Amino acid sequence: MTLERVSPDSFEEWKFHPVTKRFMKMLTADREAMKEGLINNAYEEEAEVKGRCRVIATILNLEYEDLFADK
């Protein structure tokens, strides 16, 4: 399977697309709710919830170079 080349401009269009913005807003709200739950000891598996929060933070802070920089 070949992946289509994504330009920095295409990435920026995706990042600011209304659907992407809505998705990021939902992730932000979910992460805040999880953090609040952690503060209030609402979870039995705190490590799992902390991991989810880290993954969401990675997605929210994603930049073009994170995906397409030469490794």
C-alpha atoms as a PDB file:
ATOM      1  CA  MET A   1       0.000   0.000   0.000  1.00  0.00           C
ATOM      2  CA  THR A   2       1.431   3.341  -1.033  1.00  0.00           C
ATOM      3  CA  LEU A   3       0.639   6.422   1.001  1.00  0.00           C
ATOM      4  CA  GLU A   4      -0.198   9.637  -0.754  1.00  0.00           C
ATOM      5  CA  ARG A   5       2.311  12.447  -0.286  1.00  0.00           C
ATOM      6  CA  VAL A   6       0.954  15.161   2.011  1.00  0.00           C
ATOM      7  CA  SER A   7       2.202  18.699   1.635  1.00  0.00           C
ATOM      8  CA  PRO A   8       2.560  21.124   4.545  1.00  0.00           C
ATOM      9  CA  ASP A   9      -0.303  23.140   3.046  1.00  0.00           C
ATOM     10  CA  SER A  10      -2.548  20.069   2.891  1.00  0.00           C
ATOM     11  CA  PHE A  11      -1.700  19.263   6.493  1.00  0.00           C
ATOM     12  CA  GLU A  12      -2.629  22.814   7.551  1.00  0.00           C
ATOM     13  CA  GLU A  13      -5.911  22.575   5.640  1.00  0.00           C
ATOM     14  CA  TRP A  14      -6.669  19.321   7.444  1.00  0.00           C
ATOM     15  CA  LYS A  15      -5.704  20.768  10.819  1.00  0.00           C
ATOM     16  CA  PHE A  16      -8.081  23.711  10.438  1.00  0.00           C
ATOM     17  CA  HIS A  17     -10.900  21.834   8.699  1.00  0.00           C
ATOM     18  CA  PRO A  18     -14.183  22.116  10.673  1.00  0.00           C
ATOM     19  CA  VAL A  19     -14.394  18.340  11.188  1.00  0.00           C
ATOM     20  CA  THR A  20     -10.820  18.171  12.496  1.00  0.00           C
ATOM     21  CA  LYS A  21     -11.425  21.161  14.777  1.00  0.00           C
ATOM     22  CA  ARG A  22     -14.558  19.508  16.135  1.00  0.00           C
ATOM     23  CA  PHE A  23     -12.655  16.259  16.726  1.00  0.00           C
ATOM     24  CA  MET A  24      -9.831  18.102  18.520  1.00  0.00           C
ATOM     25  CA  LYS A  25     -12.374  19.929  20.678  1.00  0.00           C
ATOM     26  CA  MET A  26     -13.938  16.587  21.621  1.00  0.00           C
ATOM     27  CA  LEU A  27     -10.516  15.124  22.476  1.00  0.00           C
ATOM     28  CA  THR A  28      -9.700  18.182  24.600  1.00  0.00           C
ATOM     29  CA  ALA A  29     -12.951  17.802  26.555  1.00  0.00           C
ATOM     30  CA  ASP A  30     -12.396  14.071  27.027  1.00  0.00           C
ATOM     31  CA  ARG A  31      -8.856  14.658  28.254  1.00  0.00           C
ATOM     32  CA  GLU A  32      -9.992  17.318  30.716  1.00  0.00           C
ATOM     33  CA  ALA A  33     -12.679  14.974  32.052  1.00  0.00           C
ATOM     34  CA  MET A  34     -10.081  12.218  32.491  1.00  0.00           C
ATOM     35  CA  LYS A  35      -7.711  14.589  34.297  1.00  0.00           C
ATOM     36  CA  GLU A  36     -10.542  15.644  36.599  1.00  0.00           C
ATOM     37  CA  GLY A  37     -11.307  11.979  37.258  1.00  0.00           C
ATOM     38  CA  LEU A  38      -7.663  11.348  38.108  1.00  0.00           C
ATOM     39  CA  ILE A  39      -7.661  14.221  40.591  1.00  0.00           C
ATOM     40  CA  ASN A  40     -10.799  12.810  42.219  1.00  0.00           C
ATOM     41  CA  ASN A  41      -9.530   9.202  42.271  1.00  0.00           C
ATOM     42  CA  ALA A  42     -12.418   8.088  40.054  1.00  0.00           C
ATOM     43  CA  TYR A  43     -10.462   5.402  38.170  1.00  0.00           C
ATOM     44  CA  GLU A  44      -9.272   1.981  39.225  1.00  0.00           C
ATOM     45  CA  GLU A  45      -6.728   1.842  36.382  1.00  0.00           C
ATOM     46  CA  GLU A  46      -5.041   5.226  36.722  1.00  0.00           C
ATOM     47  CA  ALA A  47      -2.039   4.205  34.618  1.00  0.00           C
ATOM     48  CA  GLU A  48      -4.310   3.410  31.668  1.00  0.00           C
ATOM     49  CA  VAL A  49      -6.101   6.754  31.956  1.00  0.00           C
ATOM     50  CA  LYS A  50      -2.791   8.617  32.204  1.00  0.00           C
ATOM     51  CA  GLY A  51      -1.672   6.809  29.049  1.00  0.00           C
ATOM     52  CA  ARG A  52      -4.834   7.862  27.241  1.00  0.00           C
ATOM     53  CA  CYS A  53      -4.261  11.462  28.327  1.00  0.00           C
ATOM     54  CA  ARG A  54      -0.709  11.324  26.943  1.00  0.00           C
ATOM     55  CA  VAL A  55      -1.921   9.940  23.614  1.00  0.00           C
ATOM     56  CA  ILE A  56      -4.570  12.644  23.325  1.00  0.00           C
ATOM     57  CA  ALA A  57      -1.941  15.299  24.104  1.00  0.00           C
ATOM     58  CA  THR A  58       0.238  13.869  21.320  1.00  0.00           C
ATOM     59  CA  ILE A  59      -2.653  14.086  18.859  1.00  0.00           C
ATOM     60  CA  LEU A  60      -3.610  17.609  19.941  1.00  0.00           C
ATOM     61  CA  ASN A  61      -0.034  18.857  19.537  1.00  0.00           C
ATOM     62  CA  LEU A  62       0.634  17.092  16.245  1.00  0.00           C
ATOM     63  CA  GLU A  63       2.661  19.036  13.698  1.00  0.00           C
ATOM     64  CA  TYR A  64       3.488  18.263  10.076  1.00  0.00           C
ATOM     65  CA  GLU A  65       7.087  17.453  10.942  1.00  0.00           C
ATOM     66  CA  ASP A  66       5.966  14.870  13.494  1.00  0.00           C
ATOM     67  CA  LEU A  67       4.442  12.825  10.708  1.00  0.00           C
ATOM     68  CA  PHE A  68       6.591  13.579   7.707  1.00  0.00           C
ATOM     69  CA  ALA A  69      10.084  14.529   8.864  1.00  0.00           C
ATOM     70  CA  ASP A  70      12.824  12.315   7.495  1.00  0.00           C
ATOM     71  CA  LYS A  71      13.787   9.906  10.232  1.00  0.00           C
END
